[in-house]
Amino acid sequence: MFLDSRCIGYGEDWGRRISEAQRRAGATLVLVTANTGASYYQREEMAGALALARRPGGHRVLSVFVAENVDELDVPYGLRLRHGILLRDRAEAPQVAQEVLKALREPEA
């Protein structure tokens, strides 16, 4: 698992390290919140993940929508076409985490 705050050292090129890690990974987990539309770097990472997913042998893109209802969110282009998981409140987080892990273990249809 790659987590930028733990895997990128001080002084390293942030964009290059994230891009390299994403290319090596089999999947990208995207947390879509009300702030996603204003997050330049998150949008860049999503675009990279979706580009990787279009390649043969693909890359898995899993979305977790953090809201009462997905329609409340400005879901970025390309993610609406993929089935995602809805996280309505913190109490559901453990169950959603289990669903994410299960999805990552299952072969993509």
Protein backbone atom coordinates (compact mmCIF):
# COMPACT_ATOMS: atom_id res chain seq x y z
CA MET A 1 0.00 0.00 0.00
CA PHE A 2 1.26 3.47 -0.91
CA LEU A 3 0.23 6.37 1.30
CA ASP A 4 1.84 9.63 0.26
CA SER A 5 2.31 10.95 3.80
CA ARG A 6 4.27 7.80 4.72
CA CYS A 7 5.96 6.86 1.45
CA ILE A 8 7.33 10.14 0.11
CA GLY A 9 10.45 11.48 1.72
CA TYR A 10 11.25 15.13 2.32
CA GLY A 11 12.60 16.76 -0.82
CA GLU A 12 11.32 14.06 -3.18
CA ASP A 13 9.33 14.92 -6.30
CA TRP A 14 5.76 14.44 -5.10
CA GLY A 15 4.11 14.08 -8.52
CA ARG A 16 6.68 11.66 -9.90
CA ARG A 17 6.63 9.41 -6.81
CA ILE A 18 2.83 9.19 -6.80
CA SER A 19 2.72 8.48 -10.53
CA GLU A 20 5.37 5.74 -10.23
CA ALA A 21 3.58 4.12 -7.29
CA GLN A 22 0.27 4.21 -9.11
CA ARG A 23 1.76 2.54 -12.20
CA ARG A 24 3.18 -0.27 -10.01
CA ALA A 25 -0.06 -0.78 -8.10
CA GLY A 26 -2.85 -3.07 -9.16
CA ALA A 27 -5.53 -0.67 -7.94
CA THR A 28 -6.27 2.88 -6.86
CA LEU A 29 -8.76 3.61 -4.09
CA VAL A 30 -10.49 6.96 -4.62
CA LEU A 31 -12.28 8.68 -1.74
CA VAL A 32 -14.78 11.10 -3.27
CA THR A 33 -15.96 13.86 -0.92
CA ALA A 34 -17.53 17.28 -1.27
CA ASN A 35 -13.96 18.66 -1.54
CA THR A 36 -12.82 16.42 -4.40
CA GLY A 37 -13.70 18.91 -7.13
CA ALA A 38 -11.36 21.51 -5.62
CA SER A 39 -8.44 19.09 -5.17
CA TYR A 40 -6.12 19.44 -8.17
CA TYR A 41 -3.77 16.64 -7.15
CA GLN A 42 -6.57 14.20 -6.37
CA ARG A 43 -8.10 14.88 -9.78
CA GLU A 44 -4.69 14.24 -11.39
CA GLU A 45 -4.37 10.92 -9.55
CA MET A 46 -7.90 9.90 -10.60
CA ALA A 47 -7.15 10.74 -14.23
CA GLY A 48 -3.98 8.65 -14.02
CA ALA A 49 -5.86 5.73 -12.48
CA LEU A 50 -8.56 5.83 -15.14
CA ALA A 51 -5.93 5.98 -17.91
CA LEU A 52 -4.22 2.92 -16.41
CA ALA A 53 -7.60 1.15 -16.18
CA ARG A 54 -8.14 1.56 -19.92
CA ARG A 55 -4.96 -0.37 -20.73
CA PRO A 56 -5.05 -4.11 -21.45
CA GLY A 57 -4.65 -6.04 -18.23
CA GLY A 58 -5.91 -2.88 -16.59
CA HIS A 59 -5.74 -1.22 -13.28
CA ARG A 60 -8.60 -1.39 -10.83
CA VAL A 61 -10.26 1.86 -9.72
CA LEU A 62 -12.37 1.55 -6.58
CA SER A 63 -14.45 4.53 -5.45
CA VAL A 64 -15.78 5.24 -1.99
CA PHE A 65 -18.32 8.06 -2.03
CA VAL A 66 -18.34 9.87 1.31
CA ALA A 67 -21.80 11.47 1.56
CA GLU A 68 -25.39 10.75 2.50
CA ASN A 69 -26.18 10.31 -1.19
CA VAL A 70 -23.90 10.13 -4.27
CA ASP A 71 -26.08 12.75 -5.97
CA GLU A 72 -24.83 15.29 -3.39
CA LEU A 73 -21.33 14.99 -4.83
CA ASP A 74 -19.74 16.44 -7.93
CA VAL A 75 -18.40 13.06 -9.06
CA PRO A 76 -15.42 13.47 -11.42
CA TYR A 77 -15.71 12.43 -15.04
CA GLY A 78 -15.15 8.70 -15.47
CA LEU A 79 -16.00 7.63 -11.92
CA ARG A 80 -19.78 7.69 -12.38
CA LEU A 81 -19.39 4.86 -14.89
CA ARG A 82 -17.86 2.61 -12.22
CA HIS A 83 -19.75 1.00 -9.39
CA GLY A 84 -18.62 2.44 -6.07
CA ILE A 85 -19.29 2.08 -2.37
CA LEU A 86 -21.29 4.66 -0.42
CA LEU A 87 -20.00 5.66 3.03
CA ARG A 88 -22.77 7.64 4.72
CA ASP A 89 -21.17 8.11 8.16
CA ARG A 90 -18.18 7.09 10.26
CA ALA A 91 -20.09 4.24 11.87
CA GLU A 92 -20.13 2.47 8.48
CA ALA A 93 -16.36 2.83 7.97
CA PRO A 94 -15.36 -0.63 9.26
CA GLN A 95 -17.96 -2.33 7.06
CA VAL A 96 -16.93 -0.26 4.03
CA ALA A 97 -13.26 -1.12 4.66
CA GLN A 98 -14.20 -4.82 4.63
CA GLU A 99 -16.10 -4.35 1.35
CA VAL A 100 -13.05 -2.64 -0.20
CA LEU A 101 -10.76 -5.47 0.88
CA LYS A 102 -13.21 -8.05 -0.46
CA ALA A 103 -13.43 -6.22 -3.79
CA LEU A 104 -9.64 -6.11 -4.08
CA ARG A 105 -9.40 -9.87 -3.52
CA GLU A 106 -12.03 -10.71 -6.14
CA PRO A 107 -11.04 -10.90 -9.80
CA GLU A 108 -12.48 -8.10 -11.88
CA ALA A 109 -15.37 -9.19 -14.07
